[in-house]
Protein backbone atom coordinates (compact mmCIF):
# COMPACT_ATOMS: atom_id res chain seq x y z
CA MET A 1 66.54 -43.81 -23.36
CA ARG A 2 64.23 -42.21 -20.85
CA THR A 3 62.78 -45.78 -20.03
CA LEU A 4 66.26 -47.09 -19.26
CA LEU A 5 67.16 -44.11 -17.18
CA SER A 6 63.91 -44.46 -15.19
CA LEU A 7 64.52 -48.13 -14.71
CA LEU A 8 68.14 -47.34 -13.36
CA HIS A 9 66.96 -44.56 -11.15
CA THR A 10 64.38 -46.90 -9.66
CA LEU A 11 66.90 -49.60 -9.10
CA MET A 12 69.39 -47.17 -7.50
CA ALA A 13 66.43 -45.86 -5.31
CA GLY A 14 65.92 -49.39 -4.13
CA LEU A 15 69.51 -49.89 -3.47
CA PHE A 16 69.66 -46.73 -1.36
CA ILE A 17 66.67 -47.75 0.62
CA PHE A 18 68.17 -51.08 1.18
CA ALA A 19 71.51 -49.45 2.34
CA ALA A 20 69.45 -47.20 4.84
CA ALA A 21 67.76 -50.26 6.18
CA LEU A 22 71.12 -51.81 6.83
CA GLN A 23 71.96 -48.97 9.19
CA TYR A 24 69.56 -50.02 11.88
CA ASN A 25 72.31 -51.20 14.19
CA ASP A 26 74.78 -48.44 13.24
CA GLU A 27 75.78 -45.93 16.01
CA ASP A 28 75.49 -43.09 13.43
CA ILE A 29 71.95 -44.28 12.18
CA VAL A 30 70.39 -40.96 11.68
CA ARG A 31 73.32 -39.60 9.58
CA TRP A 32 73.52 -42.57 7.39
CA MET A 33 69.84 -42.96 6.90
CA ALA A 34 69.49 -39.31 5.97
CA VAL A 35 72.17 -39.66 3.31
CA TYR A 36 70.83 -42.87 1.83
CA LEU A 37 67.14 -41.91 1.95
CA ALA A 38 67.95 -38.37 0.44
CA ALA A 39 69.65 -40.13 -2.36
CA ALA A 40 66.67 -42.50 -2.90
CA ALA A 41 64.24 -39.50 -2.88
CA CYS A 42 66.37 -37.78 -5.54
CA CYS A 43 66.21 -40.96 -7.66
CA LEU A 44 62.50 -41.21 -7.32
CA ALA A 45 62.10 -37.52 -8.07
CA ALA A 46 64.08 -37.97 -11.25
CA VAL A 47 61.81 -40.85 -12.32
CA VAL A 48 58.78 -38.64 -11.92
CA GLY A 49 60.46 -35.63 -13.60
CA LYS A 50 60.43 -33.47 -10.58
CA LEU A 51 64.00 -33.25 -9.54
CA LYS A 52 65.70 -29.96 -9.33
CA TRP A 53 69.25 -30.18 -10.42
CA TRP A 54 70.77 -28.52 -7.38
CA VAL A 55 69.31 -31.00 -4.90
CA PRO A 56 71.43 -33.88 -5.99
CA ALA A 57 74.36 -31.55 -6.60
CA VAL A 58 74.16 -30.51 -2.89
CA LEU A 59 73.95 -34.15 -1.68
CA ALA A 60 77.02 -35.02 -3.95
CA ALA A 61 79.04 -32.19 -2.42
CA ILE A 62 78.15 -33.36 1.13
CA SER A 63 79.00 -36.97 0.19
CA ILE A 64 82.43 -35.95 -1.44
CA GLY A 65 83.34 -33.84 1.61
CA TRP A 66 82.43 -36.62 4.10
CA ALA A 67 84.43 -39.14 1.94
CA ILE A 68 87.52 -36.88 1.99
CA ILE A 69 87.24 -36.85 5.85
CA TYR A 70 87.40 -40.71 5.79
CA ALA A 71 90.15 -40.67 3.11
CA SER A 72 92.29 -38.25 5.31
CA ARG A 73 91.99 -40.76 8.16
CA GLY A 74 93.52 -43.50 6.08
CA ALA A 75 90.48 -45.26 4.76
CA ALA A 76 91.82 -44.91 1.22
CA GLY A 77 95.12 -46.48 1.99
CA MET A 78 93.79 -50.00 2.58
CA PRO A 79 93.53 -52.59 -0.29
CA VAL A 80 90.07 -52.73 -1.63
CA GLY A 81 90.00 -56.57 -1.30
CA GLU A 82 90.21 -56.32 2.41
CA MET A 83 87.01 -54.35 2.44
CA PHE A 84 85.07 -57.38 1.27
CA SER A 85 87.23 -60.18 2.61
CA GLN A 86 85.07 -60.52 5.75
CA TRP A 87 81.41 -59.74 6.64
CA GLU A 88 82.29 -58.76 10.22
CA MET A 89 83.56 -55.27 10.87
CA LYS A 90 87.13 -56.34 12.13
CA ASN A 91 88.38 -52.90 12.67
CA GLU A 92 87.60 -49.23 12.39
CA GLN A 93 89.68 -48.85 9.25
CA ILE A 94 87.59 -51.43 7.34
CA VAL A 95 84.42 -49.72 8.55
CA GLU A 96 85.59 -46.24 7.41
CA GLU A 97 86.70 -47.64 4.10
CA ARG A 98 83.25 -49.25 3.47
CA GLU A 99 81.53 -45.94 4.44
CA MET A 100 83.90 -44.01 2.17
CA PHE A 101 82.92 -46.19 -0.81
CA GLY A 102 79.29 -45.96 0.00
CA LEU A 103 79.60 -42.12 -0.03
CA GLY A 104 81.39 -42.40 -3.34
CA ILE A 105 78.42 -44.38 -4.85
CA VAL A 106 76.00 -41.73 -3.61
CA ALA A 107 78.11 -38.96 -4.94
CA ALA A 108 78.64 -40.55 -8.35
CA TRP A 109 74.90 -41.16 -8.80
CA MET A 110 73.93 -37.73 -7.59
CA ILE A 111 76.35 -36.15 -9.95
CA LEU A 112 74.78 -38.07 -12.78
CA LEU A 113 71.30 -37.05 -11.59
CA ALA A 114 72.29 -33.43 -11.39
CA ILE A 115 73.74 -33.37 -14.89
CA LEU A 116 70.66 -35.10 -16.34
CA ALA A 117 68.27 -32.89 -14.38
CA ARG A 118 70.10 -29.69 -15.58
CA ARG A 119 69.98 -30.95 -19.11
CA ASP A 120 66.31 -31.58 -18.93
CA GLN A 121 65.57 -28.23 -17.41
CA ARG A 122 67.51 -26.41 -20.20
CA ARG A 123 65.62 -28.33 -22.87
CA ALA A 124 62.37 -27.44 -21.22
CA LYS A 125 63.29 -23.69 -21.15
CA SER A 126 64.41 -23.67 -24.80
CA ALA A 127 61.24 -25.50 -25.83
CA ALA A 128 59.00 -22.98 -24.11
């Protein structure tokens, strides 16, 4: 199970790094690269067993809060199919919906990482 989780964390780290690289032409490049690279760093820290549970928990909270802002602007009201129907960014609502879902992916994986890191830290304490 540990090997499978390490493989999945490595895969997600690669995907988060790829997502950060895609931000090169974004007007909010620093914000987005920070979120995606922080998520990648959490994944890699989990692989080597050095992740503190609260780090991905904080990143998840930030991502959820940011996604809620997008949802309140109407990003959640658009059909999901339209988000992928065209490669180009046709309008701001499509952009915000894609960004909201990206934040959702970050938040979901960070919640998983926080839960697993907390479990591992409790097991280490009880074994000591």
